Amino acid sequence: EALLAALAEAVARVPVPEGIAPATMDGLLGVRGVIESEEAESAETESLARDLAEGVVRLVADLVEARRAEGRALQEIINGHLGTLIAIIQAAEDCPARKPDAVRAKLAASVASLTEAGTGLDPDRLHQEAVLLAAKADVREELDRLRAHLASAAELIAGGGAIGRRLDFLAQELGREANTLCAKANDITLSRIGLDLKAVVEQFREQVQNVE
């Protein structure tokens, strides 16, 4: 109050040039030192600070637990897809169309059909071509690679950590092998198994996108 009175008195003594408005009370109150405010620490403020700190701790703990629960659920889903893929690969392994006797009978029927048609083709040459076609139609390598990729995926999941990018890469490799299996399938049953394999691989890939 003393400072404000002194300022007002000084302003009254100082002549104001033409065109300049005299000082107002708002202006004098804005001078540093006229008004000073201090925020006193009250018991209520301290209590609020403690509550906020405790709330943040609980919030972080709840967030961590929610993420862990989401991870556990996601792991269960992905492991389910891996189990289904293993079963499908085993079905392809056990497919009757892949048995040597079945392959031999199918090729023999094709060769017999061509020779009976009177095309003049050499039976020995036809036999050689049939053997080459049988080798190209063999999906043994694809099945072995599929199993290797699934084993790698299971190992990554068991190890934990930031594995999303590597799982996504394995999903792409699984998709390539499934496409090759379908392309080489020489039997409708094996083709259907290959299509089932592709469908589950796609489901696996979609879930993997949620893994960090």
C-alpha atoms as a PDB file:
ATOM      1  CA  GLU A   1       0.000   0.000   0.000  1.00  0.00           C
ATOM      2  CA  ALA A   2       2.851   2.379   0.836  1.00  0.00           C
ATOM      3  CA  LEU A   3       4.480   1.680  -2.541  1.00  0.00           C
ATOM      4  CA  LEU A   4       1.210   2.204  -4.379  1.00  0.00           C
ATOM      5  CA  ALA A   5       0.641   5.520  -2.552  1.00  0.00           C
ATOM      6  CA  ALA A   6       4.160   6.656  -3.375  1.00  0.00           C
ATOM      7  CA  LEU A   7       3.670   5.773  -7.056  1.00  0.00           C
ATOM      8  CA  ALA A   8       0.394   7.625  -7.222  1.00  0.00           C
ATOM      9  CA  GLU A   9       1.954  10.646  -5.599  1.00  0.00           C
ATOM     10  CA  ALA A  10       4.904  10.560  -7.996  1.00  0.00           C
ATOM     11  CA  VAL A  11       2.623  10.260 -11.018  1.00  0.00           C
ATOM     12  CA  ALA A  12       0.685  13.281  -9.831  1.00  0.00           C
ATOM     13  CA  ARG A  13       3.883  15.317  -9.698  1.00  0.00           C
ATOM     14  CA  VAL A  14       5.232  14.296 -13.087  1.00  0.00           C
ATOM     15  CA  PRO A  15       3.803  16.328 -15.969  1.00  0.00           C
ATOM     16  CA  VAL A  16       2.253  14.117 -18.670  1.00  0.00           C
ATOM     17  CA  PRO A  17       3.227  15.011 -22.261  1.00  0.00           C
ATOM     18  CA  GLU A  18       0.419  15.836 -24.643  1.00  0.00           C
ATOM     19  CA  GLY A  19      -1.091  12.798 -26.277  1.00  0.00           C
ATOM     20  CA  ILE A  20      -0.225  10.407 -23.454  1.00  0.00           C
ATOM     21  CA  ALA A  21      -2.942   9.308 -21.058  1.00  0.00           C
ATOM     22  CA  PRO A  22      -2.208   9.612 -17.355  1.00  0.00           C
ATOM     23  CA  ALA A  23      -1.451   6.480 -15.361  1.00  0.00           C
ATOM     24  CA  THR A  24      -4.431   4.468 -14.187  1.00  0.00           C
ATOM     25  CA  MET A  25      -4.859   2.312 -11.114  1.00  0.00           C
ATOM     26  CA  ASP A  26      -4.598  -0.836 -13.262  1.00  0.00           C
ATOM     27  CA  GLY A  27      -1.224   0.321 -14.535  1.00  0.00           C
ATOM     28  CA  LEU A  28       0.060   1.125 -11.057  1.00  0.00           C
ATOM     29  CA  LEU A  29      -1.094  -2.248  -9.738  1.00  0.00           C
ATOM     30  CA  GLY A  30       0.924  -3.907 -12.516  1.00  0.00           C
ATOM     31  CA  VAL A  31       4.207  -2.407 -11.306  1.00  0.00           C
ATOM     32  CA  ARG A  32       6.464  -5.058  -9.836  1.00  0.00           C
ATOM     33  CA  GLY A  33       6.403  -5.055  -6.063  1.00  0.00           C
ATOM     34  CA  VAL A  34       2.942  -3.518  -5.696  1.00  0.00           C
ATOM     35  CA  ILE A  35       1.190  -6.897  -5.705  1.00  0.00           C
ATOM     36  CA  GLU A  36       2.982 -10.107  -4.792  1.00  0.00           C
ATOM     37  CA  SER A  37       1.274 -13.465  -4.462  1.00  0.00           C
ATOM     38  CA  GLU A  38       2.502 -16.579  -2.703  1.00  0.00           C
ATOM     39  CA  GLU A  39       0.909 -20.022  -2.889  1.00  0.00           C
ATOM     40  CA  ALA A  40       0.989 -21.370   0.602  1.00  0.00           C
ATOM     41  CA  GLU A  41       1.386 -25.134   0.990  1.00  0.00           C
ATOM     42  CA  SER A  42      -1.715 -26.268   2.764  1.00  0.00           C
ATOM     43  CA  ALA A  43      -2.534 -29.692   4.159  1.00  0.00           C
ATOM     44  CA  GLU A  44      -5.168 -30.070   1.433  1.00  0.00           C
ATOM     45  CA  THR A  45      -2.607 -29.384  -1.311  1.00  0.00           C
ATOM     46  CA  GLU A  46      -0.171 -31.907   0.139  1.00  0.00           C
ATOM     47  CA  SER A  47      -2.918 -34.507   0.393  1.00  0.00           C
ATOM     48  CA  LEU A  48      -3.916 -33.904  -3.225  1.00  0.00           C
ATOM     49  CA  ALA A  49      -0.305 -34.326  -4.348  1.00  0.00           C
ATOM     50  CA  ARG A  50      -0.048 -37.642  -2.501  1.00  0.00           C
ATOM     51  CA  ASP A  51      -3.308 -38.868  -4.008  1.00  0.00           C
ATOM     52  CA  LEU A  52      -2.155 -37.925  -7.491  1.00  0.00           C
ATOM     53  CA  ALA A  53       1.190 -39.692  -7.022  1.00  0.00           C
ATOM     54  CA  GLU A  54      -0.531 -42.840  -5.753  1.00  0.00           C
ATOM     55  CA  GLY A  55      -3.016 -42.659  -8.623  1.00  0.00           C
ATOM     56  CA  VAL A  56      -0.222 -42.520 -11.190  1.00  0.00           C
ATOM     57  CA  VAL A  57       1.463 -45.557  -9.625  1.00  0.00           C
ATOM     58  CA  ARG A  58      -1.794 -47.530  -9.722  1.00  0.00           C
ATOM     59  CA  LEU A  59      -2.477 -46.429 -13.291  1.00  0.00           C
ATOM     60  CA  VAL A  60       0.941 -47.579 -14.506  1.00  0.00           C
ATOM     61  CA  ALA A  61       0.570 -50.897 -12.668  1.00  0.00           C
ATOM     62  CA  ASP A  62      -2.875 -51.457 -14.198  1.00  0.00           C
ATOM     63  CA  LEU A  63      -1.534 -50.598 -17.654  1.00  0.00           C
ATOM     64  CA  VAL A  64       1.347 -53.060 -17.291  1.00  0.00           C
ATOM     65  CA  GLU A  65      -0.999 -55.826 -16.135  1.00  0.00           C
ATOM     66  CA  ALA A  66      -3.425 -55.097 -18.997  1.00  0.00           C
ATOM     67  CA  ARG A  67      -0.587 -55.367 -21.500  1.00  0.00           C
ATOM     68  CA  ARG A  68       0.576 -58.620 -19.937  1.00  0.00           C
ATOM     69  CA  ALA A  69      -2.952 -60.049 -20.059  1.00  0.00           C
ATOM     70  CA  GLU A  70      -3.251 -59.016 -23.701  1.00  0.00           C
ATOM     71  CA  GLY A  71       0.107 -60.662 -24.418  1.00  0.00           C
ATOM     72  CA  ARG A  72      -0.923 -63.905 -22.719  1.00  0.00           C
ATOM     73  CA  ALA A  73      -4.158 -64.035 -24.714  1.00  0.00           C
ATOM     74  CA  LEU A  74      -2.330 -63.262 -27.949  1.00  0.00           C
ATOM     75  CA  GLN A  75       0.278 -65.927 -27.230  1.00  0.00           C
ATOM     76  CA  GLU A  76      -2.472 -68.496 -26.694  1.00  0.00           C
ATOM     77  CA  ILE A  77      -4.091 -67.596 -30.015  1.00  0.00           C
ATOM     78  CA  ILE A  78      -0.813 -67.727 -31.941  1.00  0.00           C
ATOM     79  CA  ASN A  79       0.186 -71.025 -30.336  1.00  0.00           C
ATOM     80  CA  GLY A  80      -3.209 -72.372 -31.356  1.00  0.00           C
ATOM     81  CA  HIS A  81      -2.509 -71.422 -34.967  1.00  0.00           C
ATOM     82  CA  LEU A  82       0.910 -73.085 -34.770  1.00  0.00           C
ATOM     83  CA  GLY A  83      -0.708 -76.279 -33.455  1.00  0.00           C
ATOM     84  CA  THR A  84      -3.243 -76.235 -36.289  1.00  0.00           C
ATOM     85  CA  LEU A  85      -0.494 -75.732 -38.858  1.00  0.00           C
ATOM     86  CA  ILE A  86       1.452 -78.665 -37.464  1.00  0.00           C
ATOM     87  CA  ALA A  87      -1.645 -80.862 -37.756  1.00  0.00           C
ATOM     88  CA  ILE A  88      -2.254 -79.736 -41.350  1.00  0.00           C
ATOM     89  CA  ILE A  89       1.346 -80.426 -42.311  1.00  0.00           C
ATOM     90  CA  GLN A  90       1.050 -83.894 -40.813  1.00  0.00           C
ATOM     91  CA  ALA A  91      -2.124 -84.432 -42.848  1.00  0.00           C
ATOM     92  CA  ALA A  92      -0.189 -83.483 -45.988  1.00  0.00           C
ATOM     93  CA  GLU A  93       2.566 -85.891 -44.928  1.00  0.00           C
ATOM     94  CA  ASP A  94       0.033 -88.702 -44.515  1.00  0.00           C
ATOM     95  CA  CYS A  95      -1.944 -87.880 -47.681  1.00  0.00           C
ATOM     96  CA  PRO A  96      -2.440 -91.147 -49.632  1.00  0.00           C
ATOM     97  CA  ALA A  97      -1.701 -89.361 -52.908  1.00  0.00           C
ATOM     98  CA  ARG A  98       1.923 -88.910 -51.776  1.00  0.00           C
ATOM     99  CA  LYS A  99       2.515 -92.622 -51.243  1.00  0.00           C
ATOM    100  CA  PRO A 100       4.924 -94.190 -53.773  1.00  0.00           C
ATOM    101  CA  ASP A 101       2.356 -96.773 -54.852  1.00  0.00           C
ATOM    102  CA  ALA A 102      -0.243 -94.107 -55.542  1.00  0.00           C
ATOM    103  CA  VAL A 103       2.213 -91.965 -57.486  1.00  0.00           C
ATOM    104  CA  ARG A 104       3.407 -94.991 -59.445  1.00  0.00           C
ATOM    105  CA  ALA A 105      -0.139 -96.069 -60.307  1.00  0.00           C
ATOM    106  CA  LYS A 106      -1.143 -92.589 -61.441  1.00  0.00           C
ATOM    107  CA  LEU A 107       1.917 -92.216 -63.642  1.00  0.00           C
ATOM    108  CA  ALA A 108       1.453 -95.703 -65.089  1.00  0.00           C
ATOM    109  CA  ALA A 109      -2.139 -94.859 -65.974  1.00  0.00           C
ATOM    110  CA  SER A 110      -1.041 -91.655 -67.695  1.00  0.00           C
ATOM    111  CA  VAL A 111       1.704 -93.449 -69.654  1.00  0.00           C
ATOM    112  CA  ALA A 112      -0.667 -96.252 -70.641  1.00  0.00           C
ATOM    113  CA  SER A 113      -3.232 -93.732 -71.838  1.00  0.00           C
ATOM    114  CA  LEU A 114      -0.684 -92.004 -74.046  1.00  0.00           C
ATOM    115  CA  THR A 115       0.736 -95.200 -75.530  1.00  0.00           C
ATOM    116  CA  GLU A 116      -2.690 -96.654 -76.221  1.00  0.00           C
ATOM    117  CA  ALA A 117      -3.643 -93.526 -78.105  1.00  0.00           C
ATOM    118  CA  GLY A 118      -1.253 -94.561 -80.858  1.00  0.00           C
ATOM    119  CA  THR A 119       0.788 -91.400 -80.716  1.00  0.00           C
ATOM    120  CA  GLY A 120       3.986 -93.246 -81.553  1.00  0.00           C
ATOM    121  CA  LEU A 121       5.727 -92.027 -78.411  1.00  0.00           C
ATOM    122  CA  ASP A 122       8.571 -94.088 -77.034  1.00  0.00           C
ATOM    123  CA  PRO A 123       7.449 -95.826 -73.807  1.00  0.00           C
ATOM    124  CA  ASP A 124      10.958 -95.534 -72.342  1.00  0.00           C
ATOM    125  CA  ARG A 125      10.981 -91.812 -73.037  1.00  0.00           C
ATOM    126  CA  LEU A 126       7.541 -91.474 -71.481  1.00  0.00           C
ATOM    127  CA  HIS A 127       8.792 -93.328 -68.418  1.00  0.00           C
ATOM    128  CA  GLN A 128      11.715 -90.920 -68.040  1.00  0.00           C
ATOM    129  CA  GLU A 129       9.433 -87.899 -68.348  1.00  0.00           C
ATOM    130  CA  ALA A 130       7.066 -89.427 -65.814  1.00  0.00           C
ATOM    131  CA  VAL A 131       9.899 -89.859 -63.328  1.00  0.00           C
ATOM    132  CA  LEU A 132      10.900 -86.200 -63.802  1.00  0.00           C
ATOM    133  CA  LEU A 133       7.311 -85.052 -63.281  1.00  0.00           C
ATOM    134  CA  ALA A 134       7.066 -87.160 -60.136  1.00  0.00           C
ATOM    135  CA  ALA A 135      10.221 -85.523 -58.774  1.00  0.00           C
ATOM    136  CA  LYS A 136       8.861 -82.044 -59.515  1.00  0.00           C
ATOM    137  CA  ALA A 137       5.561 -82.875 -57.845  1.00  0.00           C
ATOM    138  CA  ASP A 138       7.225 -84.098 -54.633  1.00  0.00           C
ATOM    139  CA  VAL A 139       6.478 -81.732 -51.734  1.00  0.00           C
ATOM    140  CA  ARG A 140       8.923 -83.243 -49.258  1.00  0.00           C
ATOM    141  CA  GLU A 141      11.175 -80.154 -49.220  1.00  0.00           C
ATOM    142  CA  GLU A 142       8.213 -77.832 -48.698  1.00  0.00           C
ATOM    143  CA  LEU A 143       6.970 -79.895 -45.760  1.00  0.00           C
ATOM    144  CA  ASP A 144      10.438 -79.929 -44.180  1.00  0.00           C
ATOM    145  CA  ARG A 145      10.793 -76.160 -44.541  1.00  0.00           C
ATOM    146  CA  LEU A 146       7.312 -75.583 -43.136  1.00  0.00           C
ATOM    147  CA  ARG A 147       8.210 -77.620 -40.049  1.00  0.00           C
ATOM    148  CA  ALA A 148      11.478 -75.717 -39.655  1.00  0.00           C
ATOM    149  CA  HIS A 149       9.675 -72.346 -39.835  1.00  0.00           C
ATOM    150  CA  LEU A 150       7.090 -73.459 -37.277  1.00  0.00           C
ATOM    151  CA  ALA A 151       9.837 -74.629 -34.918  1.00  0.00           C
ATOM    152  CA  SER A 152      11.553 -71.240 -35.253  1.00  0.00           C
ATOM    153  CA  ALA A 153       8.279 -69.421 -34.516  1.00  0.00           C
ATOM    154  CA  ALA A 154       7.658 -71.525 -31.401  1.00  0.00           C
ATOM    155  CA  GLU A 155      11.199 -70.846 -30.212  1.00  0.00           C
ATOM    156  CA  LEU A 156      10.788 -67.092 -30.685  1.00  0.00           C
ATOM    157  CA  ILE A 157       7.504 -67.040 -28.772  1.00  0.00           C
ATOM    158  CA  ALA A 158       8.980 -69.047 -25.910  1.00  0.00           C
ATOM    159  CA  GLY A 159      11.945 -66.658 -25.706  1.00  0.00           C
ATOM    160  CA  GLY A 160       9.803 -63.513 -25.621  1.00  0.00           C
ATOM    161  CA  GLY A 161      11.036 -59.995 -26.298  1.00  0.00           C
ATOM    162  CA  ALA A 162      10.483 -57.809 -29.356  1.00  0.00           C
ATOM    163  CA  ILE A 163       9.820 -60.641 -31.838  1.00  0.00           C
ATOM    164  CA  GLY A 164       7.038 -59.164 -33.965  1.00  0.00           C
ATOM    165  CA  ARG A 165       9.180 -58.373 -37.004  1.00  0.00           C
ATOM    166  CA  ARG A 166      10.814 -61.823 -37.038  1.00  0.00           C
ATOM    167  CA  LEU A 167       7.461 -63.563 -36.641  1.00  0.00           C
ATOM    168  CA  ASP A 168       6.128 -61.544 -39.544  1.00  0.00           C
ATOM    169  CA  PHE A 169       9.069 -62.694 -41.677  1.00  0.00           C
ATOM    170  CA  LEU A 170       8.345 -66.322 -40.757  1.00  0.00           C
ATOM    171  CA  ALA A 171       4.689 -65.821 -41.652  1.00  0.00           C
ATOM    172  CA  GLN A 172       5.747 -64.648 -45.112  1.00  0.00           C
ATOM    173  CA  GLU A 173       7.998 -67.701 -45.517  1.00  0.00           C
ATOM    174  CA  LEU A 174       5.164 -69.989 -44.429  1.00  0.00           C
ATOM    175  CA  GLY A 175       2.934 -68.363 -47.024  1.00  0.00           C
ATOM    176  CA  ARG A 176       5.493 -68.968 -49.790  1.00  0.00           C
ATOM    177  CA  GLU A 177       5.882 -72.632 -48.908  1.00  0.00           C
ATOM    178  CA  ALA A 178       2.098 -73.083 -48.737  1.00  0.00           C
ATOM    179  CA  ASN A 179       1.734 -71.540 -52.206  1.00  0.00           C
ATOM    180  CA  THR A 180       4.415 -73.855 -53.596  1.00  0.00           C
ATOM    181  CA  LEU A 181       2.749 -76.875 -52.028  1.00  0.00           C
ATOM    182  CA  CYS A 182      -0.556 -75.973 -53.668  1.00  0.00           C
ATOM    183  CA  ALA A 183       1.139 -75.440 -57.027  1.00  0.00           C
ATOM    184  CA  LYS A 184       2.869 -78.837 -56.895  1.00  0.00           C
ATOM    185  CA  ALA A 185      -0.110 -80.799 -55.576  1.00  0.00           C
ATOM    186  CA  ASN A 186      -1.149 -83.457 -58.078  1.00  0.00           C
ATOM    187  CA  ASP A 187      -4.181 -84.617 -56.146  1.00  0.00           C
ATOM    188  CA  ILE A 188      -7.390 -82.885 -55.093  1.00  0.00           C
ATOM    189  CA  THR A 189      -7.001 -84.016 -51.480  1.00  0.00           C
ATOM    190  CA  LEU A 190      -3.512 -82.554 -51.245  1.00  0.00           C
ATOM    191  CA  SER A 191      -4.747 -79.375 -52.933  1.00  0.00           C
ATOM    192  CA  ARG A 192      -7.445 -78.972 -50.295  1.00  0.00           C
ATOM    193  CA  ILE A 193      -4.884 -79.514 -47.549  1.00  0.00           C
ATOM    194  CA  GLY A 194      -2.732 -76.818 -49.156  1.00  0.00           C
ATOM    195  CA  LEU A 195      -5.663 -74.384 -49.206  1.00  0.00           C
ATOM    196  CA  ASP A 196      -6.374 -75.071 -45.529  1.00  0.00           C
ATOM    197  CA  LEU A 197      -2.717 -74.442 -44.834  1.00  0.00           C
ATOM    198  CA  LYS A 198      -2.808 -71.082 -46.629  1.00  0.00           C
ATOM    199  CA  ALA A 199      -5.918 -70.011 -44.694  1.00  0.00           C
ATOM    200  CA  VAL A 200      -4.371 -70.737 -41.288  1.00  0.00           C
ATOM    201  CA  VAL A 201      -1.071 -69.117 -42.291  1.00  0.00           C
ATOM    202  CA  GLU A 202      -2.999 -65.947 -43.134  1.00  0.00           C
ATOM    203  CA  GLN A 203      -4.727 -66.032 -39.731  1.00  0.00           C
ATOM    204  CA  PHE A 204      -1.321 -66.497 -38.094  1.00  0.00           C
ATOM    205  CA  ARG A 205       0.075 -63.535 -40.049  1.00  0.00           C
ATOM    206  CA  GLU A 206      -2.807 -61.277 -38.993  1.00  0.00           C
ATOM    207  CA  GLN A 207      -2.258 -62.047 -35.300  1.00  0.00           C
ATOM    208  CA  VAL A 208       1.487 -61.557 -35.621  1.00  0.00           C
ATOM    209  CA  GLN A 209       0.838 -57.942 -36.681  1.00  0.00           C
ATOM    210  CA  ASN A 210      -0.251 -57.284 -33.060  1.00  0.00           C
ATOM    211  CA  VAL A 211       3.105 -58.398 -31.632  1.00  0.00           C
ATOM    212  CA  GLU A 212       5.699 -55.710 -30.937  1.00  0.00           C
END
